[in-house]
Protein backbone atom coordinates (compact mmCIF):
# COMPACT_ATOMS: atom_id res chain seq x y z
CA MET A 1 -73.46 49.42 -6.76
CA LYS A 2 -71.54 46.28 -7.65
CA ASN A 3 -67.80 46.82 -7.94
CA GLU A 4 -65.17 44.76 -9.68
CA GLU A 5 -64.78 42.49 -6.66
CA GLY A 6 -68.52 41.90 -6.42
CA TYR A 7 -70.84 42.82 -3.58
CA SER A 8 -69.65 43.36 -0.05
CA ILE A 9 -71.91 43.27 3.00
CA LYS A 10 -71.63 47.04 3.18
CA ASP A 11 -72.73 47.35 -0.45
CA ILE A 12 -75.79 45.17 0.14
CA ILE A 13 -76.79 47.06 3.29
CA SER A 14 -76.32 50.39 1.50
CA LEU A 15 -78.39 49.15 -1.42
CA PHE A 16 -81.31 48.15 0.79
CA LEU A 17 -81.05 51.31 2.91
CA SER A 18 -81.34 53.38 -0.26
CA LYS A 19 -84.71 51.69 -0.89
CA ILE A 20 -85.81 51.60 2.76
CA TRP A 21 -89.14 53.38 2.23
CA LEU A 22 -90.01 51.14 -0.69
CA LEU A 23 -89.21 48.07 1.41
CA ILE A 24 -91.35 49.37 4.29
CA ALA A 25 -94.27 50.08 1.95
CA VAL A 26 -94.04 46.65 0.29
CA THR A 27 -93.82 44.94 3.69
CA ILE A 28 -96.94 46.72 4.96
CA ILE A 29 -98.85 45.98 1.77
CA GLY A 30 -97.83 42.31 1.93
CA GLY A 31 -98.94 42.03 5.55
CA LEU A 32 -102.28 43.72 4.86
CA ALA A 33 -102.91 41.55 1.81
CA ALA A 34 -102.21 38.36 3.75
CA PHE A 35 -104.44 39.53 6.62
CA CYS A 36 -107.34 40.38 4.29
CA PHE A 37 -106.93 37.11 2.40
CA SER A 38 -107.02 35.16 5.66
CA LYS A 39 -110.04 37.05 6.97
CA PHE A 40 -112.24 37.18 3.89
CA VAL A 41 -111.12 34.31 1.64
CA LEU A 42 -109.77 31.39 3.66
CA PRO A 43 -112.43 29.17 5.30
CA LEU A 44 -112.63 28.76 9.07
CA GLU A 45 -111.35 25.48 10.51
CA TYR A 46 -112.21 23.87 13.82
CA SER A 47 -110.27 21.36 15.84
CA SER A 48 -110.96 18.70 18.44
CA HIS A 49 -108.72 16.19 20.22
CA ILE A 50 -108.66 13.04 22.31
CA SER A 51 -105.99 10.84 23.91
CA MET A 52 -105.71 7.04 23.74
CA TYR A 53 -103.64 5.01 26.19
CA VAL A 54 -101.70 1.90 25.23
CA GLN A 55 -101.40 -0.97 27.70
CA SER A 56 -98.13 -2.87 27.27
CA TYR A 57 -97.45 -6.60 27.09
CA THR A 58 -98.68 -8.77 29.97
CA GLY A 59 -96.27 -10.73 32.09
CA ILE A 60 -93.06 -9.28 30.59
CA THR A 61 -91.91 -7.57 33.76
CA GLU A 62 -90.97 -10.79 35.58
CA ASN A 63 -87.80 -11.53 33.57
CA ALA A 64 -87.13 -8.13 31.96
CA ASN A 65 -85.68 -5.00 33.39
CA LEU A 66 -87.33 -1.56 33.38
CA GLN A 67 -85.40 -0.34 30.31
CA ASN A 68 -86.66 -3.23 28.18
CA ASN A 69 -90.25 -2.57 29.30
CA ILE A 70 -89.98 1.11 28.22
CA SER A 71 -88.50 0.11 24.89
CA ASN A 72 -91.22 -2.47 24.25
CA SER A 73 -93.90 0.06 25.20
CA LYS A 74 -92.56 2.63 22.72
CA GLN A 75 -92.46 0.04 19.95
CA LEU A 76 -96.04 -0.91 20.70
CA VAL A 77 -97.18 2.74 20.61
CA ASN A 78 -95.51 3.27 17.22
CA THR A 79 -97.15 0.11 15.89
CA TYR A 80 -100.59 1.22 17.08
CA MET A 81 -100.12 4.64 15.42
CA GLU A 82 -99.45 3.00 12.08
CA VAL A 83 -102.52 0.79 12.45
CA LEU A 84 -104.70 3.83 13.20
CA LYS A 85 -103.66 5.40 9.87
CA ASP A 86 -104.54 2.32 7.82
CA ASP A 87 -107.15 2.60 5.04
CA ALA A 88 -109.36 -0.04 6.69
CA VAL A 89 -109.62 2.08 9.85
CA MET A 90 -110.25 5.24 7.79
CA ASN A 91 -113.02 3.50 5.83
CA ALA A 92 -114.68 2.39 9.06
CA VAL A 93 -114.53 5.95 10.41
CA GLY A 94 -115.89 7.30 7.12
CA ALA A 95 -118.87 4.93 7.24
CA ARG A 96 -119.75 6.08 10.76
CA LEU A 97 -119.44 9.75 9.78
CA LYS A 98 -121.73 9.28 6.78
CA GLU A 99 -124.39 7.69 9.01
CA GLN A 100 -124.15 10.57 11.49
CA PHE A 101 -124.08 13.63 9.18
CA GLY A 102 -124.96 12.56 5.65
CA GLU A 103 -123.07 13.25 2.45
CA ASP A 104 -124.40 16.79 1.92
CA ARG A 105 -122.90 18.00 5.20
CA LEU A 106 -119.63 16.10 4.92
CA ILE A 107 -118.81 17.13 1.35
CA GLU A 108 -117.46 20.49 2.56
CA CYS A 109 -114.96 18.66 4.80
CA PHE A 110 -113.97 15.57 2.81
CA SER A 111 -113.71 14.34 -0.75
CA PHE A 112 -115.91 11.47 -1.91
CA ALA A 113 -115.20 8.56 -4.26
CA ASP A 114 -117.87 6.04 -5.32
CA GLY A 115 -120.24 7.40 -2.66
CA LYS A 116 -117.67 6.88 0.11
CA ILE A 117 -115.42 9.28 1.94
CA SER A 118 -111.90 9.02 0.62
CA PRO A 119 -109.56 7.49 3.26
CA SER A 120 -106.83 9.96 2.36
CA SER A 121 -109.08 12.96 3.00
CA ILE A 122 -109.82 11.69 6.54
CA ARG A 123 -106.16 10.90 7.10
CA ASN A 124 -105.19 14.41 5.97
CA CYS A 125 -107.38 16.03 8.59
CA LEU A 126 -105.87 13.87 11.37
CA SER A 127 -102.72 14.42 13.41
CA ILE A 128 -101.67 11.30 15.36
CA SER A 129 -98.64 11.61 17.62
CA SER A 130 -97.19 9.99 20.72
CA VAL A 131 -96.79 11.93 23.95
CA THR A 132 -93.14 12.01 25.02
CA ASP A 133 -92.14 9.57 27.77
CA THR A 134 -95.67 8.13 28.02
CA SER A 135 -97.67 5.36 26.40
CA ALA A 136 -100.35 7.84 25.30
CA VAL A 137 -101.32 8.62 21.72
CA LYS A 138 -102.80 12.05 21.01
CA ILE A 139 -105.28 12.42 18.13
CA VAL A 140 -106.22 15.83 16.74
CA ALA A 141 -108.83 16.28 13.97
CA THR A 142 -109.22 19.58 12.10
CA THR A 143 -112.07 20.20 9.63
CA LYS A 144 -114.35 23.02 8.51
CA ASN A 145 -117.05 21.83 10.92
CA ALA A 146 -116.59 21.73 14.70
CA GLU A 147 -119.03 18.83 15.21
CA VAL A 148 -117.43 16.77 12.45
CA SER A 149 -113.97 17.26 14.00
CA ALA A 150 -115.18 15.92 17.34
CA ALA A 151 -116.99 13.03 15.64
CA VAL A 152 -113.84 11.99 13.76
CA CYS A 153 -111.92 11.70 17.04
CA ASN A 154 -114.69 9.78 18.81
CA ASP A 155 -115.35 7.42 15.89
CA LEU A 156 -111.67 6.62 15.57
CA THR A 157 -111.41 5.67 19.24
CA GLU A 158 -114.42 3.41 18.88
CA VAL A 159 -113.24 1.44 15.85
CA ALA A 160 -109.52 1.43 16.73
CA PRO A 161 -109.45 -1.28 19.47
CA ASP A 162 -110.89 -3.98 17.20
CA TYR A 163 -108.41 -3.28 14.39
CA VAL A 164 -105.50 -2.97 16.80
CA GLU A 165 -106.28 -6.25 18.48
CA GLU A 166 -106.70 -7.98 15.15
CA ALA A 167 -103.52 -6.53 13.63
CA VAL A 168 -101.14 -6.60 16.62
CA GLY A 169 -102.57 -9.31 18.86
CA VAL A 170 -100.92 -8.05 22.07
CA GLY A 171 -101.64 -5.16 24.37
CA SER A 172 -104.72 -2.98 24.18
CA ILE A 173 -105.70 0.65 23.57
CA ASN A 174 -108.32 2.52 25.61
CA THR A 175 -109.76 6.00 26.11
CA ILE A 176 -111.02 7.75 29.21
CA ASP A 177 -112.98 10.71 27.89
CA VAL A 178 -114.69 11.74 24.65
CA ALA A 179 -113.71 14.50 22.23
CA LYS A 180 -115.61 17.76 22.76
CA VAL A 181 -116.98 20.25 20.26
CA TYR A 182 -114.96 23.51 20.20
CA ASN A 183 -116.68 26.33 18.32
CA THR A 184 -113.64 28.61 18.37
CA PRO A 185 -111.84 28.35 15.03
CA VAL A 186 -108.17 27.41 15.08
CA ALA A 187 -107.51 28.53 11.52
CA PRO A 188 -106.77 30.68 9.71
CA ASN A 189 -104.34 32.34 12.12
CA MET A 190 -104.65 35.88 10.78
CA LYS A 191 -101.79 37.33 12.84
CA LYS A 192 -99.43 34.58 11.80
CA ASN A 193 -100.47 34.80 8.15
CA ALA A 194 -100.09 38.57 8.18
CA ALA A 195 -96.58 38.23 9.61
CA LEU A 196 -95.68 35.59 7.00
CA GLY A 197 -97.15 37.74 4.24
CA ALA A 198 -95.13 40.76 5.39
CA LEU A 199 -91.92 38.71 5.57
CA GLY A 200 -92.60 37.14 2.19
CA ALA A 201 -93.24 40.52 0.58
CA LEU A 202 -90.08 41.93 2.17
CA ALA A 203 -87.99 39.00 0.96
CA PHE A 204 -89.47 39.26 -2.55
CA ALA A 205 -88.85 43.02 -2.70
CA CYS A 206 -85.26 42.56 -1.51
CA MET A 207 -84.69 39.91 -4.15
CA ILE A 208 -86.13 42.13 -6.92
CA ILE A 209 -84.06 45.14 -5.81
CA PHE A 210 -80.93 43.02 -5.68
CA LEU A 211 -81.57 41.50 -9.12
CA ILE A 212 -82.30 44.89 -10.68
CA ASP A 213 -79.11 46.31 -9.22
CA PHE A 214 -77.11 43.22 -10.21
CA PHE A 215 -78.16 43.47 -13.85
CA ASP A 216 -78.09 47.28 -13.89
CA ASN A 217 -75.17 48.25 -16.13
CA THR A 218 -75.73 52.00 -16.01
CA VAL A 219 -72.95 54.22 -14.72
CA LYS A 220 -73.34 55.28 -11.09
CA ASP A 221 -69.81 55.36 -9.77
CA THR A 222 -67.19 57.65 -11.28
CA ASP A 223 -64.44 55.80 -9.44
CA ALA A 224 -65.40 52.55 -11.15
CA ILE A 225 -65.68 54.20 -14.58
CA GLY A 226 -62.30 55.87 -14.20
CA LYS A 227 -60.62 52.62 -13.17
CA GLU A 228 -62.37 50.45 -15.76
CA PHE A 229 -61.61 52.67 -18.76
CA LYS A 230 -58.46 54.30 -17.36
CA LYS A 231 -59.66 57.81 -18.14
CA PRO A 232 -59.64 60.86 -15.84
CA ILE A 233 -62.76 62.29 -14.24
CA ILE A 234 -63.21 65.97 -15.04
CA GLY A 235 -66.03 66.44 -12.57
CA GLU A 236 -69.41 65.49 -11.17
CA ILE A 237 -72.62 67.52 -11.33
CA ALA A 238 -75.43 66.76 -8.94
CA ALA A 239 -79.01 66.60 -10.18
CA PHE A 240 -80.63 70.03 -9.95
CA GLY A 241 -83.33 72.13 -11.54
CA ASN A 242 -87.05 72.60 -11.04
CA GLU A 243 -89.00 69.65 -12.43
CA LYS A 244 -92.16 71.77 -12.75
CA LYS A 245 -90.29 74.26 -14.88
CA LYS A 246 -88.93 71.51 -17.07
CA LYS A 247 -92.42 70.26 -17.79
CA SER A 248 -93.93 73.70 -18.36
CA SER A 249 -91.93 74.74 -21.45
CA ASP A 250 -89.03 73.72 -23.61
CA GLU A 251 -87.16 76.95 -22.89
CA ASN A 252 -87.11 76.29 -19.17
CA ASP A 253 -85.74 72.84 -19.81
CA TYR A 254 -82.19 74.23 -19.68
CA VAL A 255 -80.68 75.71 -16.53
CA LYS A 256 -77.78 78.14 -16.74
CA LEU A 257 -75.12 78.46 -14.11
CA THR A 258 -76.05 82.11 -13.60
CA ASP A 259 -79.69 81.39 -12.72
CA LYS A 260 -80.67 82.48 -9.24
CA ASP A 261 -81.97 79.11 -8.09
CA VAL A 262 -78.80 77.15 -8.94
CA PRO A 263 -77.47 75.57 -5.70
CA PHE A 264 -74.10 76.52 -4.30
CA ASN A 265 -72.64 73.04 -4.74
CA ILE A 266 -73.48 73.10 -8.47
CA VAL A 267 -71.62 76.38 -8.90
CA GLU A 268 -68.62 74.95 -7.07
CA SER A 269 -68.75 71.79 -9.20
CA TYR A 270 -68.42 73.84 -12.37
CA LYS A 271 -65.59 75.87 -10.87
CA SER A 272 -63.81 72.60 -10.21
CA ILE A 273 -64.51 71.48 -13.80
CA ARG A 274 -63.10 74.80 -15.01
CA THR A 275 -59.89 74.14 -13.11
CA ASN A 276 -59.64 70.57 -14.36
CA VAL A 277 -60.26 71.60 -17.99
CA THR A 278 -57.53 74.22 -17.66
CA PHE A 279 -55.13 71.58 -16.36
CA ALA A 280 -56.12 69.14 -19.11
CA LEU A 281 -55.41 71.72 -21.84
CA SER A 282 -52.28 73.15 -20.24
CA THR A 283 -49.95 70.97 -22.32
CA VAL A 284 -51.52 71.70 -25.71
CA GLU A 285 -51.15 74.77 -27.89
CA LYS A 286 -54.69 74.94 -29.27
CA LYS A 287 -57.26 75.57 -26.52
CA ILE A 288 -60.04 74.10 -28.64
CA PHE A 289 -61.99 71.20 -27.16
CA GLU A 290 -65.26 69.39 -27.72
CA VAL A 291 -67.99 68.41 -25.29
CA SER A 292 -70.17 65.49 -26.31
CA SER A 293 -72.01 62.49 -24.88
CA ALA A 294 -72.62 58.88 -25.74
CA ASN A 295 -76.35 59.25 -26.44
CA PRO A 296 -78.95 62.02 -26.68
CA GLY A 297 -80.58 63.35 -23.54
CA GLU A 298 -77.54 63.08 -21.28
CA GLY A 299 -77.16 66.83 -20.72
CA LYS A 300 -74.11 67.60 -22.83
CA SER A 301 -75.49 70.88 -24.24
CA THR A 302 -76.42 72.29 -20.84
CA THR A 303 -73.08 71.12 -19.49
CA SER A 304 -71.27 72.75 -22.43
CA ALA A 305 -73.02 76.07 -21.83
CA ASN A 306 -72.25 76.05 -18.11
CA ILE A 307 -68.60 75.08 -18.65
CA ALA A 308 -68.31 78.02 -21.05
CA ILE A 309 -69.87 80.32 -18.46
CA ALA A 310 -67.53 79.03 -15.74
CA LEU A 311 -64.49 79.52 -17.99
CA ALA A 312 -65.62 83.06 -18.83
CA GLN A 313 -66.13 83.84 -15.15
CA GLY A 314 -62.56 82.70 -14.58
CA GLY A 315 -61.26 85.51 -16.79
CA ASN A 316 -60.88 83.57 -20.05
CA LYS A 317 -62.15 84.98 -23.32
CA VAL A 318 -64.39 82.12 -24.40
CA LEU A 319 -66.25 81.25 -27.58
CA LEU A 320 -69.00 78.64 -27.41
CA ILE A 321 -69.79 77.02 -30.78
CA ASP A 322 -72.97 75.01 -31.26
CA ALA A 323 -71.87 72.32 -33.72
CA ASP A 324 -74.96 70.18 -33.12
CA MET A 325 -76.60 71.43 -36.28
CA ARG A 326 -79.20 68.67 -36.33
CA LYS A 327 -80.62 69.53 -32.91
CA ALA A 328 -79.40 72.98 -31.93
CA VAL A 329 -79.82 73.95 -28.28
CA GLN A 330 -77.41 76.75 -27.35
CA HIS A 331 -79.59 79.52 -28.79
CA LYS A 332 -82.44 78.29 -26.57
CA ILE A 333 -80.25 78.20 -23.48
CA PHE A 334 -79.02 81.79 -23.94
CA GLY A 335 -82.19 83.15 -25.56
CA LEU A 336 -80.53 84.03 -28.88
CA LYS A 337 -81.65 84.16 -32.49
CA ASN A 338 -80.48 81.38 -34.78
CA LYS A 339 -80.97 82.82 -38.26
CA LYS A 340 -77.25 82.65 -38.97
CA GLY A 341 -74.50 80.73 -37.30
CA LEU A 342 -71.94 77.97 -37.83
CA SER A 343 -73.60 76.50 -40.94
CA SER A 344 -73.78 79.99 -42.49
CA ALA A 345 -70.11 80.66 -41.74
CA ILE A 346 -68.85 77.33 -43.13
CA SER A 347 -70.91 77.67 -46.30
CA LYS A 348 -69.75 81.32 -46.57
CA MET A 349 -73.31 82.64 -46.67
CA ASN A 350 -72.24 85.07 -43.97
CA SER A 351 -68.92 86.18 -42.61
CA VAL A 352 -67.59 84.59 -39.43
CA GLU A 353 -67.95 87.88 -37.55
CA GLU A 354 -71.61 88.15 -38.52
CA CYS A 355 -72.27 84.64 -37.19
CA ILE A 356 -70.81 85.28 -33.74
CA GLN A 357 -73.09 86.87 -31.16
CA LYS A 358 -70.77 88.86 -28.98
CA GLY A 359 -71.17 89.91 -25.37
CA VAL A 360 -73.72 87.25 -24.46
CA MET A 361 -72.05 87.36 -21.08
CA GLU A 362 -68.86 88.97 -19.91
CA ASN A 363 -65.95 87.28 -21.71
CA LEU A 364 -68.38 84.91 -23.46
CA ASP A 365 -69.38 84.96 -27.14
CA VAL A 366 -71.63 82.38 -28.76
CA MET A 367 -71.79 81.05 -32.31
CA THR A 368 -75.13 79.32 -32.74
CA SER A 369 -75.62 76.44 -35.15
CA GLY A 370 -77.41 78.45 -37.83
CA PRO A 371 -79.93 77.05 -40.35
CA VAL A 372 -80.10 73.25 -40.49
CA PRO A 373 -77.95 72.08 -43.44
CA PRO A 374 -78.47 68.85 -45.40
CA ASN A 375 -74.87 67.72 -44.79
CA PRO A 376 -73.70 68.60 -41.25
CA SER A 377 -70.91 66.00 -41.10
CA GLU A 378 -69.40 67.14 -44.41
CA LEU A 379 -69.49 70.78 -43.31
CA LEU A 380 -67.68 70.02 -40.06
CA ALA A 381 -65.02 67.99 -41.91
CA SER A 382 -64.46 70.70 -44.52
CA GLU A 383 -61.38 72.89 -44.86
CA ASN A 384 -63.53 75.95 -44.23
CA MET A 385 -64.28 74.65 -40.72
CA GLY A 386 -60.57 74.25 -40.06
CA ALA A 387 -59.86 77.74 -41.35
CA ILE A 388 -62.59 79.22 -39.15
CA LEU A 389 -61.23 77.52 -36.03
CA GLU A 390 -57.68 78.55 -36.89
CA LYS A 391 -58.73 82.17 -37.19
CA LEU A 392 -60.88 82.15 -34.04
CA SER A 393 -58.18 80.46 -31.94
CA GLN A 394 -56.13 83.64 -32.33
CA GLU A 395 -58.96 85.79 -30.98
CA TYR A 396 -60.16 83.60 -28.08
CA SER A 397 -58.21 82.02 -25.23
CA MET A 398 -60.61 79.01 -25.23
CA ILE A 399 -63.07 77.62 -27.76
CA LEU A 400 -65.66 75.07 -26.63
CA ILE A 401 -67.54 73.11 -29.29
CA ASP A 402 -70.86 71.47 -28.42
CA THR A 403 -71.01 68.40 -30.69
CA PRO A 404 -73.73 65.76 -31.30
CA PRO A 405 -73.67 62.43 -29.41
CA VAL A 406 -70.74 60.24 -30.41
CA ASN A 407 -72.73 56.99 -30.66
CA VAL A 408 -75.39 58.54 -32.90
CA VAL A 409 -73.53 60.47 -35.62
CA THR A 410 -69.90 61.01 -36.62
CA ASP A 411 -69.92 64.82 -36.38
CA ALA A 412 -67.69 64.91 -33.30
CA MET A 413 -65.16 62.63 -35.00
CA GLU A 414 -64.97 64.95 -38.02
CA LEU A 415 -63.53 67.68 -35.79
CA ALA A 416 -60.76 65.48 -34.39
CA LYS A 417 -58.02 67.10 -36.46
CA TYR A 418 -59.05 70.59 -35.38
CA SER A 419 -59.58 70.11 -31.64
CA SER A 420 -57.23 69.30 -28.77
CA GLY A 421 -59.52 66.77 -27.17
CA ILE A 422 -63.02 65.76 -26.19
CA ILE A 423 -64.90 65.60 -22.89
CA VAL A 424 -67.69 63.02 -22.72
CA VAL A 425 -70.72 63.70 -20.51
CA LEU A 426 -72.26 60.64 -18.84
CA ARG A 427 -75.65 60.64 -17.20
CA TYR A 428 -76.02 58.94 -13.83
CA GLY A 429 -78.29 55.90 -14.01
CA SER A 430 -78.88 56.33 -17.77
CA THR A 431 -75.64 55.85 -19.70
CA THR A 432 -74.56 52.20 -19.75
CA THR A 433 -71.05 50.83 -19.58
CA GLU A 434 -71.57 49.47 -23.11
CA ASP A 435 -72.35 53.01 -24.28
CA VAL A 436 -69.14 54.27 -22.68
CA GLU A 437 -67.13 51.45 -24.23
CA ASP A 438 -68.54 52.19 -27.70
CA THR A 439 -67.79 55.89 -27.26
CA ILE A 440 -64.17 55.26 -26.28
CA LYS A 441 -63.68 52.92 -29.23
CA LYS A 442 -64.91 55.60 -31.64
CA VAL A 443 -62.81 58.31 -29.99
CA GLU A 444 -59.69 56.16 -30.15
CA PHE A 445 -60.42 55.14 -33.73
CA ALA A 446 -60.58 58.82 -34.68
CA GLN A 447 -57.28 59.31 -32.79
CA MET A 448 -58.81 61.97 -30.58
CA ASN A 449 -57.44 62.98 -27.21
CA MET A 450 -59.86 61.79 -24.52
CA LEU A 451 -59.72 64.53 -21.88
CA GLY A 452 -62.05 62.70 -19.48
CA PHE A 453 -65.59 62.17 -18.25
CA ILE A 454 -68.15 64.38 -16.54
CA MET A 455 -70.82 62.58 -14.55
CA ASN A 456 -74.08 64.49 -14.89
CA GLU A 457 -77.34 64.35 -12.93
CA VAL A 458 -75.78 62.57 -9.96
CA LYS A 459 -78.51 61.54 -7.52
CA THR A 460 -76.97 62.74 -4.27
CA LYS A 461 -79.71 61.10 -2.18
CA LYS A 462 -78.50 57.66 -3.16
CA SER A 463 -76.55 55.56 -0.72
CA GLY A 464 -72.90 54.68 -0.82
CA TYR A 465 -70.44 56.89 -2.68
CA TYR A 466 -72.95 59.54 -3.67
CA SER A 467 -74.26 60.02 -0.15
CA LYS A 468 -70.67 60.89 0.73
CA TYR A 469 -70.67 63.26 -2.23
CA LYS A 470 -73.75 64.98 -0.85
CA TYR A 471 -72.19 65.20 2.58
CA LYS A 472 -69.05 66.78 1.16
CA ASN A 473 -71.10 69.41 -0.62
CA LYS A 474 -72.93 70.27 2.58
CA TYR A 475 -69.66 70.36 4.46
CA TYR A 476 -68.04 72.63 1.91
CA TYR A 477 -71.06 74.88 1.91
CA LYS A 478 -70.80 75.41 5.64
CA LYS A 479 -67.07 76.03 5.40
CA GLY A 480 -67.39 78.31 2.37
CA TYR A 481 -65.60 76.22 -0.24
CA GLY A 482 -66.03 72.98 -2.19
CA TYR A 483 -65.31 70.96 -5.28
CA GLY A 484 -67.78 68.43 -6.67
CA GLY A 485 -65.50 67.01 -9.36
CA TYR A 486 -61.88 66.04 -9.54
CA TYR A 487 -59.14 65.34 -12.01
CA GLY A 488 -57.10 62.27 -11.13
CA ALA A 489 -57.16 61.69 -7.37
CA LYS A 490 -59.90 63.09 -5.15
CA PRO A 491 -59.00 65.88 -2.72
CA ASP A 492 -58.40 64.56 0.78
CA THR A 493 -60.73 66.61 2.95
CA ASP A 494 -59.12 65.28 6.11
CA ASP A 495 -55.72 66.72 5.23
CA GLU A 496 -55.17 70.03 6.98
CA GLU A 497 -53.01 71.54 4.24
CA THR A 498 -55.53 70.61 1.56
CA VAL A 499 -58.35 72.26 3.48
CA LYS A 500 -56.30 75.46 3.78
CA SER A 501 -55.45 75.48 0.08
CA GLU A 502 -59.08 74.84 -0.90
CA THR A 503 -60.22 77.65 1.37
CA SER A 504 -57.81 80.13 -0.16
CA GLU A 505 -58.72 78.97 -3.69
CA SER A 506 -62.43 79.46 -2.97
CA LYS A 507 -61.76 82.96 -1.68
CA THR A 508 -59.85 83.74 -4.88
CA SER A 509 -62.74 82.47 -7.02
CA LYS A 510 -65.17 84.62 -5.05
CA LYS A 511 -63.02 87.71 -5.74
CA GLN A 512 -63.01 86.86 -9.45
CA THR A 513 -66.79 86.63 -9.63
CA SER A 514 -67.15 89.97 -7.87
CA ASP A 515 -64.66 92.04 -9.92
CA ASN A 516 -67.42 94.35 -11.16
CA ALA A 517 -68.89 94.91 -7.71
CA PRO A 518 -67.97 98.20 -5.97
CA LYS A 519 -65.37 97.74 -3.26
CA ASN A 520 -66.35 98.86 0.22
CA ASN A 521 -64.12 100.26 2.93
CA SER A 522 -63.82 96.98 4.76
CA GLY A 523 -62.59 95.33 1.56
CA LYS A 524 -59.87 97.96 1.22
CA LYS A 525 -58.74 97.36 4.75
CA LYS A 526 -58.51 93.67 4.14
CA GLY A 527 -56.51 94.31 1.01
CA LYS A 528 -53.99 96.37 2.95
CA LYS A 529 -53.59 93.61 5.47
């Protein structure tokens, strides 16, 4: 999500909106947890209160104005409040409380030291404040016992006058009423705690999501990858396939472009990749290119197979070679036997023609990997491999080689002198920028032509750029055309001429895929027009 300039407000909002249901769930759980904790764990607290009134200096009004009298009264109130909080006053209150309730009952409300109630524990349960624009002092006591709370207020008002008179020497402090016992608890406030718990959980979840995204260095934006490494983007492939099928068997783990359940936008994405590959190879004589990835499990074999299918559907005579002899996949994708293949042809155990399985699809032949050899890299770098490719390049208009991951083994690099370039498949949210950087370094070191990247398994339900990608696919589907990938600049869907050209190109591709279908009368009429 983070771009080169950092996060924008739009990026942050998009990030949180992409996790909206997670945030809602965490907020609800946090609120419920705080509510249950308040209800079943926190003890009940009860409060009581009383007001004390301060009488100002005597005889000061004769030679002083009203403003001075108010000022003197406020100073006296503040002085009395400090006296009420003194340890001597707290000890006197504690002695009275112990006589009234006994230590066993008070121990749940206060802490004891040397058989006496700690002055700080009484002070902590008290709230002493002045009432604005008056000479009144309000005292509120909150403890775990309603009767004790009322007793604290009453005992304080009884012992306070003596200490105030002794400490200050002027004025006096009096009370009118006594503190009452209120059996309705004032704490915990379960609604307030639940709201705070929900807000706290929401803030914590937002912070975790932001930190994960901030430190997430996996590739999720083809624009950023193209700009950072200055390489073209061949295309993007949205995540598709039946997860239940993938878990049921290894054979169903690979989805071909010709399968019935492949979405329309996936088909169009591969058609776009076909066009971009054709453009990328238009300036070279040998139409031999490799498809690889940075690491295993990024979908390069499935992508290779589907690119080969798309090229064959475009009228090209295509040969797909499985050069991943350590972990062969193409024979599983197409349901072929793998008793002889590339390793057999290079080692001259079988002829090249015997190792090619022809007519797998229209215009598509496949050379599987063959038996696993002890030296795959040496076989691929051998002169026999070069001779095989030289011979086959005269028979096929395009040869696609599925090679092992670049960052794992050097097999793809060994073919550098025989191929016209390499396409690297990246997996959305899995391949890291460090992986891409290492791959490019190895490709450049081998002096290979980097044709570009293909972003695989794009999560179209994500926010930001890929939500736009999903929208474009839906839009194209309704209009009858669409391209998921791009080479260089993206197509401008708002431009009227571009829309027309894309529409006509889609119609042309539809005619190509239906060459073998019988033409009806209406089709003939349209052709005449």
